[in-house]
C-alpha cells in the first residue's frame, strides 16, 4: 500500500552495508531523504546516486540524513561501492522488507514506459559511471521511490516512480528541504 504525505513514516532499524545502524526512530529531529533504488548493477540507479553525491555538501550542511536502499546483497553492494567512503548510508534489502514496508512496487509496464521517458540515455550515462562492470541482482521490474521525512517523522514527500528512472529532479528535491 502506498504511503502518503503527512502520515507518520513507518519506523525501521536496519544495518547498512558497513555494519552501522540506520534507525529511523533514532533520527528524530533530523530530516531524512529515503531513496529506494533497484540494485547495485542498475545503471539508472548508479546515475541517480551520482547526481545525489554531487549534492552531498547540501545534505551535510542542512543536517539531512540520506538512506539509500537497494535490493542487492551486502556483498554486491560492497563490490559496487568499493573502498570509497560516502556521506550516505547504503542499506542492502534483498528480502524486500523495507520495500514492502514502504509500498515500493514492481511493474513491467512501468519498466516499458521508461523506454519512452529517457531510460536509454540514463542507462548509457549510468554505465559510464561504474568503476567496473556490474551484474544486476534485484528484480528488473522494481520501480524506484523516494521519501522526504521531516524532523517530526512525518512524510513530507512520497514519490513513487511512474517508470524506471522517474526521480524527483534534484533542483526540486533541494527546494523541498
Protein backbone atom coordinates (compact mmCIF):
# COMPACT_ATOMS: atom_id res chain seq x y z
CA UNK A 1 0.00 0.00 0.00
CA UNK A 2 1.33 3.43 -0.93
CA UNK A 3 2.21 5.89 1.75
CA UNK A 4 1.02 9.47 1.55
CA UNK A 5 2.26 12.86 2.60
CA UNK A 6 1.56 13.96 6.18
CA UNK A 7 1.33 10.44 7.54
CA UNK A 8 3.91 9.13 10.01
CA UNK A 9 6.79 7.39 8.29
CA UNK A 10 6.97 3.68 9.11
CA UNK A 11 9.84 3.22 11.52
CA UNK A 12 12.59 0.70 10.95
CA UNK A 13 16.04 -0.20 12.08
CA UNK A 14 18.49 -1.75 9.66
CA UNK A 15 22.22 -2.28 9.37
CA UNK A 16 23.95 -0.59 6.46
CA UNK A 17 26.48 -2.41 4.31
CA UNK A 18 29.33 -1.27 6.59
CA UNK A 19 27.68 -2.57 9.77
CA UNK A 20 26.41 0.80 11.01
CA UNK A 21 22.89 1.08 12.37
CA UNK A 22 20.32 3.05 10.40
CA UNK A 23 17.47 3.59 12.84
CA UNK A 24 14.70 5.85 11.59
CA UNK A 25 13.33 6.27 15.11
CA UNK A 26 16.72 7.45 16.39
CA UNK A 27 16.85 10.09 13.65
CA UNK A 28 14.06 12.13 15.24
CA UNK A 29 14.94 15.81 14.97
CA UNK A 30 16.70 15.30 11.61
CA UNK A 31 15.29 15.42 8.12
CA UNK A 32 15.70 12.23 6.13
CA UNK A 33 15.87 11.58 2.40
CA UNK A 34 14.97 7.92 1.91
CA UNK A 35 15.58 6.55 -1.58
CA UNK A 36 14.56 3.11 -2.77
CA UNK A 37 16.60 2.21 -5.80
CA UNK A 38 16.70 -1.04 -7.74
CA UNK A 39 20.05 -2.84 -7.34
CA UNK A 40 23.79 -2.23 -7.34
CA UNK A 41 24.11 -3.14 -11.02
CA UNK A 42 21.32 -0.83 -12.21
CA UNK A 43 22.89 1.88 -14.38
CA UNK A 44 19.88 4.19 -13.90
CA UNK A 45 20.30 3.91 -10.12
CA UNK A 46 24.03 4.48 -10.48
CA UNK A 47 23.31 7.65 -12.45
CA UNK A 48 20.88 8.86 -9.75
CA UNK A 49 23.30 8.08 -6.92
CA UNK A 50 25.99 10.14 -8.66
CA UNK A 51 23.51 13.02 -9.04
CA UNK A 52 22.85 12.87 -5.30
CA UNK A 53 26.55 12.60 -4.43
CA UNK A 54 27.13 15.90 -6.25
CA UNK A 55 24.75 17.41 -3.64
CA UNK A 56 26.47 15.81 -0.63
CA UNK A 57 27.53 19.20 0.78
CA UNK A 58 23.91 20.38 0.70
CA UNK A 59 22.73 17.32 2.61
CA UNK A 60 25.55 17.57 5.16
CA UNK A 61 25.22 21.34 5.67
CA UNK A 62 21.49 21.04 6.22
CA UNK A 63 21.80 18.06 8.61
CA UNK A 64 19.86 15.75 6.27
CA UNK A 65 20.39 12.02 6.62
CA UNK A 66 20.45 10.18 3.30
CA UNK A 67 19.47 6.50 3.33
CA UNK A 68 19.82 4.59 0.06
CA UNK A 69 18.03 1.22 -0.10
CA UNK A 70 18.94 -1.41 -2.70
CA UNK A 71 17.62 -4.91 -3.40
CA UNK A 72 21.20 -6.16 -3.74
CA UNK A 73 23.05 -8.30 -1.25
CA UNK A 74 25.59 -6.76 1.12
CA UNK A 75 28.36 -8.41 -0.92
CA UNK A 76 27.11 -6.93 -4.21
CA UNK A 77 26.75 -3.50 -2.61
CA UNK A 78 30.28 -3.60 -1.17
CA UNK A 79 31.60 -4.72 -4.55
CA UNK A 80 29.84 -1.79 -6.19
CA UNK A 81 30.87 0.80 -3.59
CA UNK A 82 34.47 -0.36 -3.42
CA UNK A 83 36.88 1.21 -0.97
CA UNK A 84 35.39 4.69 -1.32
CA UNK A 85 33.76 6.43 1.62
CA UNK A 86 30.37 8.01 1.18
CA UNK A 87 28.33 10.62 3.06
CA UNK A 88 25.21 8.44 2.73
CA UNK A 89 24.19 5.14 4.28
CA UNK A 90 23.63 2.28 1.84
CA UNK A 91 21.29 -0.47 3.01
CA UNK A 92 21.01 -3.87 1.34
CA UNK A 93 17.44 -5.24 1.41
CA UNK A 94 17.43 -8.38 -0.76
CA UNK A 95 14.46 -9.78 1.19
CA UNK A 96 12.47 -6.62 0.34
CA UNK A 97 11.38 -5.98 3.93
CA UNK A 98 11.81 -2.22 3.67
CA UNK A 99 10.45 -2.14 0.12
CA UNK A 100 7.29 -3.84 1.37
CA UNK A 101 7.08 -1.59 4.44
CA UNK A 102 7.06 1.49 2.19
CA UNK A 103 4.88 0.01 -0.56
CA UNK A 104 7.57 0.22 -3.26
CA UNK A 105 6.20 -1.50 -6.32
CA UNK A 106 7.24 -3.72 -9.16
CA UNK A 107 5.79 -3.26 -12.66
CA UNK A 108 6.89 -4.43 -16.10
CA UNK A 109 4.52 -1.88 -17.63
CA UNK A 110 6.38 0.93 -15.86
CA UNK A 111 9.69 -0.53 -16.99
CA UNK A 112 8.45 -0.37 -20.59
CA UNK A 113 7.11 3.15 -20.01
CA UNK A 114 10.65 4.16 -19.08
CA UNK A 115 11.75 3.44 -22.65
CA UNK A 116 9.67 6.43 -23.74
CA UNK A 117 10.92 8.66 -20.94
CA UNK A 118 14.70 8.84 -21.34
CA UNK A 119 15.59 5.42 -19.91
CA UNK A 120 18.16 4.53 -22.56
CA UNK A 121 20.06 7.80 -22.08
CA UNK A 122 20.20 7.24 -18.30
CA UNK A 123 21.36 3.65 -18.88
CA UNK A 124 24.17 4.89 -21.14
CA UNK A 125 25.23 7.63 -18.71
CA UNK A 126 24.93 5.37 -15.67
CA UNK A 127 27.04 2.64 -17.29
CA UNK A 128 29.83 5.17 -17.87
CA UNK A 129 29.91 5.90 -14.13
CA UNK A 130 30.56 2.32 -13.00
CA UNK A 131 34.16 1.73 -12.00
CA UNK A 132 33.83 -1.85 -13.28
CA UNK A 133 31.09 -3.90 -14.95
CA UNK A 134 28.28 -4.78 -12.55
CA UNK A 135 25.66 -7.51 -12.69
CA UNK A 136 22.07 -6.72 -11.78
CA UNK A 137 20.89 -8.88 -8.89
CA UNK A 138 17.48 -7.48 -7.97
CA UNK A 139 14.08 -7.52 -9.61
CA UNK A 140 14.31 -5.99 -13.07
CA UNK A 141 10.74 -4.72 -12.73
CA UNK A 142 11.41 -2.79 -9.49
CA UNK A 143 10.33 0.85 -9.71
CA UNK A 144 12.18 3.41 -7.56
CA UNK A 145 10.53 5.52 -4.87
CA UNK A 146 11.68 8.49 -2.78
CA UNK A 147 10.55 9.93 0.51
CA UNK A 148 11.36 13.04 2.47
CA UNK A 149 10.70 12.58 6.16
CA UNK A 150 10.61 15.72 8.29
CA UNK A 151 12.12 16.24 11.73
CA UNK A 152 8.88 15.06 13.36
CA UNK A 153 8.80 11.77 11.48
CA UNK A 154 6.07 12.83 9.05
CA UNK A 155 6.28 12.13 5.35
CA UNK A 156 6.75 15.44 3.56
CA UNK A 157 7.15 13.84 0.11
CA UNK A 158 6.12 10.41 -1.12
CA UNK A 159 7.22 9.95 -4.72
CA UNK A 160 6.51 6.62 -6.37
CA UNK A 161 8.12 6.43 -9.80
CA UNK A 162 5.84 6.34 -12.82
CA UNK A 163 8.62 4.50 -14.69
CA UNK A 164 12.21 3.34 -14.20
CA UNK A 165 14.28 6.49 -13.96
CA UNK A 166 11.44 8.68 -12.64
CA UNK A 167 13.09 10.51 -9.77
CA UNK A 168 12.33 13.89 -8.27
CA UNK A 169 14.55 16.40 -10.11
CA UNK A 170 17.49 17.44 -7.92
CA UNK A 171 16.53 21.14 -8.01
CA UNK A 172 13.01 20.33 -6.82
CA UNK A 173 14.31 17.92 -4.18
CA UNK A 174 16.56 20.60 -2.70
CA UNK A 175 13.70 23.11 -2.56
CA UNK A 176 11.59 20.65 -0.59
CA UNK A 177 14.05 20.71 2.30
